[in-house]
Amino acid sequence: MFSLPWYVYVLQFVAGLFLANGVPHFVQGISGHWFQSPFASPPGIGESSPVVNVLWGFLNLVIGFALLFAFAPKGADGIVRAEHAASLSSRPGRA
């Protein structure tokens, strides 16, 4: 078993926030409905057009999946490679 650094858990949580925020914006946008976004006028009260919501939702989804992909545990393959490299460097008679 291996443990991940603390920041990986934080970044995976942030990725989940981006993904959770991207879904309603993207769905409302492709459905053709107006929906609140940070670009609405007035901010926090008005609604943005469907095109803005599709773009905003898609950007959130891209960022969320990019964070998950970049900081996801690499599984057993990464552990085996690391252990193999460590065993090679610890052999006697090697510089």
PDB file of N, CA and C in Angstrom:
ATOM      1  N   MET A   1       0.846  -1.176   0.000  1.00  0.00           N
ATOM      2  CA  MET A   1       0.000   0.000   0.000  1.00  0.00           C
ATOM      3  C   MET A   1       0.888   1.233   0.000  1.00  0.00           C
ATOM      4  N   PHE A   2       0.476   2.244  -0.688  1.00  0.00           N
ATOM      5  CA  PHE A   2       1.245   3.474  -0.728  1.00  0.00           C
ATOM      6  C   PHE A   2       0.358   4.629  -0.308  1.00  0.00           C
ATOM      7  N   SER A   3       0.976   5.664   0.197  1.00  0.00           N
ATOM      8  CA  SER A   3       0.199   6.831   0.598  1.00  0.00           C
ATOM      9  C   SER A   3       0.537   7.982  -0.345  1.00  0.00           C
ATOM     10  N   LEU A   4      -0.460   8.788  -0.587  1.00  0.00           N
ATOM     11  CA  LEU A   4      -0.288   9.934  -1.466  1.00  0.00           C
ATOM     12  C   LEU A   4       0.014  11.167  -0.635  1.00  0.00           C
ATOM     13  N   PRO A   5       0.746  12.115  -1.197  1.00  0.00           N
ATOM     14  CA  PRO A   5       0.948  13.380  -0.484  1.00  0.00           C
ATOM     15  C   PRO A   5      -0.385  14.089  -0.260  1.00  0.00           C
ATOM     16  N   TRP A   6      -0.452  14.910   0.749  1.00  0.00           N
ATOM     17  CA  TRP A   6      -1.699  15.571   1.133  1.00  0.00           C
ATOM     18  C   TRP A   6      -2.264  16.432   0.010  1.00  0.00           C
ATOM     19  N   TYR A   7      -1.372  17.063  -0.769  1.00  0.00           N
ATOM     20  CA  TYR A   7      -1.860  17.986  -1.790  1.00  0.00           C
ATOM     21  C   TYR A   7      -2.593  17.265  -2.922  1.00  0.00           C
ATOM     22  N   VAL A   8      -2.336  15.973  -3.112  1.00  0.00           N
ATOM     23  CA  VAL A   8      -3.054  15.222  -4.143  1.00  0.00           C
ATOM     24  C   VAL A   8      -4.529  15.129  -3.776  1.00  0.00           C
ATOM     25  N   TYR A   9      -4.826  14.894  -2.508  1.00  0.00           N
ATOM     26  CA  TYR A   9      -6.214  14.841  -2.060  1.00  0.00           C
ATOM     27  C   TYR A   9      -6.898  16.196  -2.231  1.00  0.00           C
ATOM     28  N   VAL A  10      -6.178  17.264  -1.920  1.00  0.00           N
ATOM     29  CA  VAL A  10      -6.746  18.610  -2.079  1.00  0.00           C
ATOM     30  C   VAL A  10      -7.032  18.894  -3.548  1.00  0.00           C
ATOM     31  N   LEU A  11      -6.085  18.557  -4.431  1.00  0.00           N
ATOM     32  CA  LEU A  11      -6.283  18.812  -5.857  1.00  0.00           C
ATOM     33  C   LEU A  11      -7.380  17.939  -6.448  1.00  0.00           C
ATOM     34  N   GLN A  12      -7.532  16.726  -5.960  1.00  0.00           N
ATOM     35  CA  GLN A  12      -8.640  15.892  -6.434  1.00  0.00           C
ATOM     36  C   GLN A  12      -9.979  16.449  -5.962  1.00  0.00           C
ATOM     37  N   PHE A  13     -10.018  17.004  -4.771  1.00  0.00           N
ATOM     38  CA  PHE A  13     -11.235  17.649  -4.293  1.00  0.00           C
ATOM     39  C   PHE A  13     -11.569  18.872  -5.143  1.00  0.00           C
ATOM     40  N   VAL A  14     -10.553  19.678  -5.464  1.00  0.00           N
ATOM     41  CA  VAL A  14     -10.760  20.854  -6.317  1.00  0.00           C
ATOM     42  C   VAL A  14     -11.222  20.419  -7.708  1.00  0.00           C
ATOM     43  N   ALA A  15     -10.665  19.332  -8.219  1.00  0.00           N
ATOM     44  CA  ALA A  15     -11.113  18.806  -9.509  1.00  0.00           C
ATOM     45  C   ALA A  15     -12.589  18.438  -9.441  1.00  0.00           C
ATOM     46  N   GLY A  16     -13.012  17.847  -8.349  1.00  0.00           N
ATOM     47  CA  GLY A  16     -14.420  17.508  -8.165  1.00  0.00           C
ATOM     48  C   GLY A  16     -15.303  18.745  -8.129  1.00  0.00           C
ATOM     49  N   LEU A  17     -14.807  19.828  -7.546  1.00  0.00           N
ATOM     50  CA  LEU A  17     -15.567  21.080  -7.539  1.00  0.00           C
ATOM     51  C   LEU A  17     -15.749  21.603  -8.959  1.00  0.00           C
ATOM     52  N   PHE A  18     -14.684  21.588  -9.746  1.00  0.00           N
ATOM     53  CA  PHE A  18     -14.788  22.031 -11.137  1.00  0.00           C
ATOM     54  C   PHE A  18     -15.767  21.159 -11.924  1.00  0.00           C
ATOM     55  N   LEU A  19     -15.680  19.850 -11.729  1.00  0.00           N
ATOM     56  CA  LEU A  19     -16.580  18.947 -12.451  1.00  0.00           C
ATOM     57  C   LEU A  19     -18.031  19.159 -12.038  1.00  0.00           C
ATOM     58  N   ALA A  20     -18.252  19.301 -10.742  1.00  0.00           N
ATOM     59  CA  ALA A  20     -19.619  19.507 -10.250  1.00  0.00           C
ATOM     60  C   ALA A  20     -20.188  20.843 -10.716  1.00  0.00           C
ATOM     61  N   ASN A  21     -19.333  21.844 -10.865  1.00  0.00           N
ATOM     62  CA  ASN A  21     -19.793  23.148 -11.339  1.00  0.00           C
ATOM     63  C   ASN A  21     -20.011  23.138 -12.853  1.00  0.00           C
ATOM     64  N   GLY A  22     -19.242  22.353 -13.566  1.00  0.00           N
ATOM     65  CA  GLY A  22     -19.343  22.354 -15.016  1.00  0.00           C
ATOM     66  C   GLY A  22     -20.598  21.685 -15.546  1.00  0.00           C
ATOM     67  N   VAL A  23     -21.074  20.671 -14.854  1.00  0.00           N
ATOM     68  CA  VAL A  23     -22.218  19.898 -15.354  1.00  0.00           C
ATOM     69  C   VAL A  23     -23.480  20.752 -15.510  1.00  0.00           C
ATOM     70  N   PRO A  24     -23.951  21.488 -14.481  1.00  0.00           N
ATOM     71  CA  PRO A  24     -25.192  22.239 -14.675  1.00  0.00           C
ATOM     72  C   PRO A  24     -25.076  23.343 -15.723  1.00  0.00           C
ATOM     73  N   HIS A  25     -23.922  23.998 -15.782  1.00  0.00           N
ATOM     74  CA  HIS A  25     -23.749  25.048 -16.790  1.00  0.00           C
ATOM     75  C   HIS A  25     -23.789  24.449 -18.196  1.00  0.00           C
ATOM     76  N   PHE A  26     -23.080  23.357 -18.379  1.00  0.00           N
ATOM     77  CA  PHE A  26     -23.044  22.730 -19.707  1.00  0.00           C
ATOM     78  C   PHE A  26     -24.430  22.213 -20.104  1.00  0.00           C
ATOM     79  N   VAL A  27     -25.111  21.543 -19.188  1.00  0.00           N
ATOM     80  CA  VAL A  27     -26.426  20.977 -19.495  1.00  0.00           C
ATOM     81  C   VAL A  27     -27.448  22.086 -19.783  1.00  0.00           C
ATOM     82  N   GLN A  28     -27.462  23.117 -18.974  1.00  0.00           N
ATOM     83  CA  GLN A  28     -28.394  24.222 -19.222  1.00  0.00           C
ATOM     84  C   GLN A  28     -28.079  24.914 -20.541  1.00  0.00           C
ATOM     85  N   GLY A  29     -26.802  25.033 -20.849  1.00  0.00           N
ATOM     86  CA  GLY A  29     -26.413  25.675 -22.098  1.00  0.00           C
ATOM     87  C   GLY A  29     -26.825  24.876 -23.324  1.00  0.00           C
ATOM     88  N   ILE A  30     -26.561  23.566 -23.313  1.00  0.00           N
ATOM     89  CA  ILE A  30     -26.925  22.775 -24.491  1.00  0.00           C
ATOM     90  C   ILE A  30     -28.435  22.578 -24.584  1.00  0.00           C
ATOM     91  N   SER A  31     -29.141  22.801 -23.474  1.00  0.00           N
ATOM     92  CA  SER A  31     -30.596  22.727 -23.497  1.00  0.00           C
ATOM     93  C   SER A  31     -31.215  24.023 -24.012  1.00  0.00           C
ATOM     94  N   GLY A  32     -30.392  25.053 -24.157  1.00  0.00           N
ATOM     95  CA  GLY A  32     -30.889  26.329 -24.658  1.00  0.00           C
ATOM     96  C   GLY A  32     -31.476  27.232 -23.595  1.00  0.00           C
ATOM     97  N   HIS A  33     -31.213  26.942 -22.326  1.00  0.00           N
ATOM     98  CA  HIS A  33     -31.759  27.750 -21.235  1.00  0.00           C
ATOM     99  C   HIS A  33     -30.738  28.778 -20.758  1.00  0.00           C
ATOM    100  N   TRP A  34     -31.240  29.915 -20.345  1.00  0.00           N
ATOM    101  CA  TRP A  34     -30.402  30.925 -19.711  1.00  0.00           C
ATOM    102  C   TRP A  34     -30.132  30.472 -18.275  1.00  0.00           C
ATOM    103  N   PHE A  35     -28.931  30.766 -17.771  1.00  0.00           N
ATOM    104  CA  PHE A  35     -28.529  30.267 -16.454  1.00  0.00           C
ATOM    105  C   PHE A  35     -27.498  31.232 -15.874  1.00  0.00           C
ATOM    106  N   GLN A  36     -27.463  31.340 -14.550  1.00  0.00           N
ATOM    107  CA  GLN A  36     -26.486  32.226 -13.910  1.00  0.00           C
ATOM    108  C   GLN A  36     -25.068  31.757 -14.159  1.00  0.00           C
ATOM    109  N   SER A  37     -24.182  32.721 -14.396  1.00  0.00           N
ATOM    110  CA  SER A  37     -22.754  32.426 -14.500  1.00  0.00           C
ATOM    111  C   SER A  37     -21.998  33.650 -13.984  1.00  0.00           C
ATOM    112  N   PRO A  38     -20.696  33.540 -13.818  1.00  0.00           N
ATOM    113  CA  PRO A  38     -19.923  34.698 -13.347  1.00  0.00           C
ATOM    114  C   PRO A  38     -19.941  35.870 -14.327  1.00  0.00           C
ATOM    115  N   PHE A  39     -20.382  35.634 -15.550  1.00  0.00           N
ATOM    116  CA  PHE A  39     -20.354  36.667 -16.574  1.00  0.00           C
ATOM    117  C   PHE A  39     -21.704  37.347 -16.758  1.00  0.00           C
ATOM    118  N   ALA A  40     -22.660  37.024 -15.908  1.00  0.00           N
ATOM    119  CA  ALA A  40     -24.003  37.594 -16.019  1.00  0.00           C
ATOM    120  C   ALA A  40     -23.981  39.069 -15.641  1.00  0.00           C
ATOM    121  N   SER A  41     -25.007  39.774 -16.077  1.00  0.00           N
ATOM    122  CA  SER A  41     -25.125  41.183 -15.729  1.00  0.00           C
ATOM    123  C   SER A  41     -26.496  41.389 -15.101  1.00  0.00           C
ATOM    124  N   PRO A  42     -26.615  41.849 -13.883  1.00  0.00           N
ATOM    125  CA  PRO A  42     -25.572  42.090 -12.897  1.00  0.00           C
ATOM    126  C   PRO A  42     -25.027  40.778 -12.319  1.00  0.00           C
ATOM    127  N   PRO A  43     -23.750  40.769 -11.941  1.00  0.00           N
ATOM    128  CA  PRO A  43     -23.122  39.534 -11.449  1.00  0.00           C
ATOM    129  C   PRO A  43     -23.862  38.946 -10.243  1.00  0.00           C
ATOM    130  N   GLY A  44     -24.083  37.641 -10.290  1.00  0.00           N
ATOM    131  CA  GLY A  44     -24.734  36.942  -9.194  1.00  0.00           C
ATOM    132  C   GLY A  44     -26.245  37.021  -9.207  1.00  0.00           C
ATOM    133  N   ILE A  45     -26.804  37.855 -10.084  1.00  0.00           N
ATOM    134  CA  ILE A  45     -28.259  38.005 -10.134  1.00  0.00           C
ATOM    135  C   ILE A  45     -28.784  37.664 -11.522  1.00  0.00           C
ATOM    136  N   GLY A  46     -28.161  38.248 -12.546  1.00  0.00           N
ATOM    137  CA  GLY A  46     -28.615  38.039 -13.910  1.00  0.00           C
ATOM    138  C   GLY A  46     -28.254  36.661 -14.435  1.00  0.00           C
ATOM    139  N   GLU A  47     -28.710  36.387 -15.655  1.00  0.00           N
ATOM    140  CA  GLU A  47     -28.447  35.092 -16.272  1.00  0.00           C
ATOM    141  C   GLU A  47     -27.660  35.288 -17.558  1.00  0.00           C
ATOM    142  N   SER A  48     -26.856  34.302 -17.893  1.00  0.00           N
ATOM    143  CA  SER A  48     -26.047  34.343 -19.101  1.00  0.00           C
ATOM    144  C   SER A  48     -26.699  33.535 -20.202  1.00  0.00           C
ATOM    145  N   SER A  49     -26.309  33.827 -21.421  1.00  0.00           N
ATOM    146  CA  SER A  49     -26.875  33.133 -22.574  1.00  0.00           C
ATOM    147  C   SER A  49     -26.446  31.670 -22.589  1.00  0.00           C
ATOM    148  N   PRO A  50     -27.159  30.845 -23.331  1.00  0.00           N
ATOM    149  CA  PRO A  50     -26.781  29.431 -23.429  1.00  0.00           C
ATOM    150  C   PRO A  50     -25.362  29.217 -23.967  1.00  0.00           C
ATOM    151  N   VAL A  51     -24.930  30.047 -24.904  1.00  0.00           N
ATOM    152  CA  VAL A  51     -23.578  29.893 -25.465  1.00  0.00           C
ATOM    153  C   VAL A  51     -22.524  30.126 -24.394  1.00  0.00           C
ATOM    154  N   VAL A  52     -22.716  31.161 -23.596  1.00  0.00           N
ATOM    155  CA  VAL A  52     -21.769  31.449 -22.508  1.00  0.00           C
ATOM    156  C   VAL A  52     -21.742  30.289 -21.521  1.00  0.00           C
ATOM    157  N   ASN A  53     -22.902  29.725 -21.214  1.00  0.00           N
ATOM    158  CA  ASN A  53     -22.954  28.616 -20.263  1.00  0.00           C
ATOM    159  C   ASN A  53     -22.320  27.348 -20.814  1.00  0.00           C
ATOM    160  N   VAL A  54     -22.478  27.087 -22.101  1.00  0.00           N
ATOM    161  CA  VAL A  54     -21.809  25.925 -22.692  1.00  0.00           C
ATOM    162  C   VAL A  54     -20.298  26.101 -22.589  1.00  0.00           C
ATOM    163  N   LEU A  55     -19.810  27.276 -22.942  1.00  0.00           N
ATOM    164  CA  LEU A  55     -18.355  27.521 -22.884  1.00  0.00           C
ATOM    165  C   LEU A  55     -17.830  27.466 -21.453  1.00  0.00           C
ATOM    166  N   TRP A  56     -18.567  28.086 -20.517  1.00  0.00           N
ATOM    167  CA  TRP A  56     -18.145  28.088 -19.119  1.00  0.00           C
ATOM    168  C   TRP A  56     -18.182  26.668 -18.527  1.00  0.00           C
ATOM    169  N   GLY A  57     -19.240  25.938 -18.829  1.00  0.00           N
ATOM    170  CA  GLY A  57     -19.330  24.560 -18.347  1.00  0.00           C
ATOM    171  C   GLY A  57     -18.249  23.685 -18.946  1.00  0.00           C
ATOM    172  N   PHE A  58     -17.998  23.837 -20.247  1.00  0.00           N
ATOM    173  CA  PHE A  58     -16.969  23.034 -20.894  1.00  0.00           C
ATOM    174  C   PHE A  58     -15.591  23.352 -20.327  1.00  0.00           C
ATOM    175  N   LEU A  59     -15.307  24.632 -20.082  1.00  0.00           N
ATOM    176  CA  LEU A  59     -14.021  25.006 -19.483  1.00  0.00           C
ATOM    177  C   LEU A  59     -13.869  24.376 -18.101  1.00  0.00           C
ATOM    178  N   ASN A  60     -14.921  24.393 -17.302  1.00  0.00           N
ATOM    179  CA  ASN A  60     -14.876  23.767 -15.977  1.00  0.00           C
ATOM    180  C   ASN A  60     -14.631  22.263 -16.086  1.00  0.00           C
ATOM    181  N   LEU A  61     -15.279  21.608 -17.033  1.00  0.00           N
ATOM    182  CA  LEU A  61     -15.087  20.168 -17.212  1.00  0.00           C
ATOM    183  C   LEU A  61     -13.663  19.857 -17.660  1.00  0.00           C
ATOM    184  N   VAL A  62     -13.118  20.656 -18.561  1.00  0.00           N
ATOM    185  CA  VAL A  62     -11.744  20.435 -19.029  1.00  0.00           C
ATOM    186  C   VAL A  62     -10.762  20.594 -17.877  1.00  0.00           C
ATOM    187  N   ILE A  63     -10.918  21.652 -17.088  1.00  0.00           N
ATOM    188  CA  ILE A  63     -10.018  21.862 -15.946  1.00  0.00           C
ATOM    189  C   ILE A  63     -10.145  20.727 -14.940  1.00  0.00           C
ATOM    190  N   GLY A  64     -11.370  20.313 -14.640  1.00  0.00           N
ATOM    191  CA  GLY A  64     -11.585  19.227 -13.678  1.00  0.00           C
ATOM    192  C   GLY A  64     -10.959  17.917 -14.125  1.00  0.00           C
ATOM    193  N   PHE A  65     -11.185  17.539 -15.397  1.00  0.00           N
ATOM    194  CA  PHE A  65     -10.599  16.294 -15.885  1.00  0.00           C
ATOM    195  C   PHE A  65      -9.082  16.389 -16.008  1.00  0.00           C
ATOM    196  N   ALA A  66      -8.564  17.561 -16.354  1.00  0.00           N
ATOM    197  CA  ALA A  66      -7.113  17.736 -16.436  1.00  0.00           C
ATOM    198  C   ALA A  66      -6.468  17.562 -15.064  1.00  0.00           C
ATOM    199  N   LEU A  67      -7.094  18.122 -14.034  1.00  0.00           N
ATOM    200  CA  LEU A  67      -6.566  17.943 -12.676  1.00  0.00           C
ATOM    201  C   LEU A  67      -6.625  16.484 -12.245  1.00  0.00           C
ATOM    202  N   LEU A  68      -7.741  15.826 -12.539  1.00  0.00           N
ATOM    203  CA  LEU A  68      -7.846  14.408 -12.170  1.00  0.00           C
ATOM    204  C   LEU A  68      -6.800  13.566 -12.890  1.00  0.00           C
ATOM    205  N   PHE A  69      -6.610  13.835 -14.172  1.00  0.00           N
ATOM    206  CA  PHE A  69      -5.640  13.057 -14.939  1.00  0.00           C
ATOM    207  C   PHE A  69      -4.216  13.320 -14.448  1.00  0.00           C
ATOM    208  N   ALA A  70      -3.900  14.574 -14.162  1.00  0.00           N
ATOM    209  CA  ALA A  70      -2.541  14.927 -13.757  1.00  0.00           C
ATOM    210  C   ALA A  70      -2.185  14.399 -12.372  1.00  0.00           C
ATOM    211  N   PHE A  71      -3.154  14.350 -11.474  1.00  0.00           N
ATOM    212  CA  PHE A  71      -2.852  13.982 -10.092  1.00  0.00           C
ATOM    213  C   PHE A  71      -3.513  12.678  -9.654  1.00  0.00           C
ATOM    214  N   ALA A  72      -3.953  11.870 -10.597  1.00  0.00           N
ATOM    215  CA  ALA A  72      -4.544  10.580 -10.259  1.00  0.00           C
ATOM    216  C   ALA A  72      -3.446   9.596  -9.878  1.00  0.00           C
ATOM    217  N   PRO A  73      -3.708   8.709  -8.936  1.00  0.00           N
ATOM    218  CA  PRO A  73      -2.734   7.666  -8.634  1.00  0.00           C
ATOM    219  C   PRO A  73      -2.488   6.830  -9.889  1.00  0.00           C
ATOM    220  N   LYS A  74      -1.245   6.490 -10.121  1.00  0.00           N
ATOM    221  CA  LYS A  74      -0.897   5.782 -11.346  1.00  0.00           C
ATOM    222  C   LYS A  74      -1.075   4.273 -11.232  1.00  0.00           C
ATOM    223  N   GLY A  75      -1.472   3.782 -10.081  1.00  0.00           N
ATOM    224  CA  GLY A  75      -1.770   2.371  -9.920  1.00  0.00           C
ATOM    225  C   GLY A  75      -0.536   1.528  -9.687  1.00  0.00           C
ATOM    226  N   ALA A  76      -0.694   0.230  -9.838  1.00  0.00           N
ATOM    227  CA  ALA A  76       0.370  -0.722  -9.536  1.00  0.00           C
ATOM    228  C   ALA A  76       1.551  -0.576 -10.483  1.00  0.00           C
ATOM    229  N   ASP A  77       1.332  -0.148 -11.713  1.00  0.00           N
ATOM    230  CA  ASP A  77       2.435  -0.008 -12.654  1.00  0.00           C
ATOM    231  C   ASP A  77       3.473   0.993 -12.159  1.00  0.00           C
ATOM    232  N   GLY A  78       3.019   2.103 -11.617  1.00  0.00           N
ATOM    233  CA  GLY A  78       3.945   3.099 -11.095  1.00  0.00           C
ATOM    234  C   GLY A  78       4.717   2.585  -9.901  1.00  0.00           C
ATOM    235  N   ILE A  79       4.082   1.788  -9.048  1.00  0.00           N
ATOM    236  CA  ILE A  79       4.750   1.240  -7.867  1.00  0.00           C
ATOM    237  C   ILE A  79       5.795   0.218  -8.290  1.00  0.00           C
ATOM    238  N   VAL A  80       5.452  -0.647  -9.228  1.00  0.00           N
ATOM    239  CA  VAL A  80       6.390  -1.671  -9.672  1.00  0.00           C
ATOM    240  C   VAL A  80       7.604  -1.034 -10.314  1.00  0.00           C
ATOM    241  N   ARG A  81       7.403  -0.019 -11.155  1.00  0.00           N
ATOM    242  CA  ARG A  81       8.538   0.659 -11.788  1.00  0.00           C
ATOM    243  C   ARG A  81       9.417   1.314 -10.745  1.00  0.00           C
ATOM    244  N   ALA A  82       8.826   1.964  -9.751  1.00  0.00           N
ATOM    245  CA  ALA A  82       9.606   2.634  -8.716  1.00  0.00           C
ATOM    246  C   ALA A  82      10.391   1.615  -7.890  1.00  0.00           C
ATOM    247  N   GLU A  83       9.772   0.498  -7.542  1.00  0.00           N
ATOM    248  CA  GLU A  83      10.479  -0.523  -6.771  1.00  0.00           C
ATOM    249  C   GLU A  83      11.586  -1.165  -7.597  1.00  0.00           C
ATOM    250  N   HIS A  84      11.345  -1.356  -8.874  1.00  0.00           N
ATOM    251  CA  HIS A  84      12.365  -1.941  -9.742  1.00  0.00           C
ATOM    252  C   HIS A  84      13.562  -0.995  -9.869  1.00  0.00           C
ATOM    253  N   ALA A  85      13.284   0.292 -10.033  1.00  0.00           N
ATOM    254  CA  ALA A  85      14.373   1.271 -10.136  1.00  0.00           C
ATOM    255  C   ALA A  85      15.157   1.333  -8.828  1.00  0.00           C
ATOM    256  N   ALA A  86      14.460   1.250  -7.692  1.00  0.00           N
ATOM    257  CA  ALA A  86      15.132   1.288  -6.397  1.00  0.00           C
ATOM    258  C   ALA A  86      15.986   0.041  -6.195  1.00  0.00           C
ATOM    259  N   SER A  87      15.490  -1.118  -6.652  1.00  0.00           N
ATOM    260  CA  SER A  87      16.281  -2.342  -6.484  1.00  0.00           C
ATOM    261  C   SER A  87      17.509  -2.324  -7.381  1.00  0.00           C
ATOM    262  N   LEU A  88      17.409  -1.725  -8.538  1.00  0.00           N
ATOM    263  CA  LEU A  88      18.575  -1.634  -9.424  1.00  0.00           C
ATOM    264  C   LEU A  88      19.648  -0.729  -8.845  1.00  0.00           C
ATOM    265  N   SER A  89      19.223   0.366  -8.221  1.00  0.00           N
ATOM    266  CA  SER A  89      20.206   1.305  -7.699  1.00  0.00           C
ATOM    267  C   SER A  89      20.818   0.810  -6.382  1.00  0.00           C
ATOM    268  N   SER A  90      20.209  -0.155  -5.727  1.00  0.00           N
ATOM    269  CA  SER A  90      20.738  -0.626  -4.449  1.00  0.00           C
ATOM    270  C   SER A  90      21.561  -1.910  -4.571  1.00  0.00           C
ATOM    271  N   ARG A  91      21.825  -2.362  -5.780  1.00  0.00           N
ATOM    272  CA  ARG A  91      22.638  -3.557  -5.946  1.00  0.00           C
ATOM    273  C   ARG A  91      24.093  -3.273  -5.595  1.00  0.00           C
ATOM    274  N   PRO A  92      24.748  -4.213  -4.919  1.00  0.00           N
ATOM    275  CA  PRO A  92      26.158  -4.013  -4.580  1.00  0.00           C
ATOM    276  C   PRO A  92      27.021  -4.031  -5.841  1.00  0.00           C
ATOM    277  N   GLY A  93      28.071  -3.224  -5.830  1.00  0.00           N
ATOM    278  CA  GLY A  93      28.999  -3.199  -6.945  1.00  0.00           C
ATOM    279  C   GLY A  93      28.597  -2.224  -8.023  1.00  0.00           C
ATOM    280  N   ARG A  94      27.520  -1.517  -7.821  1.00  0.00           N
ATOM    281  CA  ARG A  94      27.099  -0.503  -8.807  1.00  0.00           C
ATOM    282  C   ARG A  94      27.447   0.875  -8.282  1.00  0.00           C
ATOM    283  N   ALA A  95      27.834   1.710  -9.204  1.00  0.00           N
ATOM    284  CA  ALA A  95      28.211   3.068  -8.797  1.00  0.00           C
ATOM    285  C   ALA A  95      27.014   3.973  -8.790  1.00  0.00           C
TER     286      ALA A  95
END
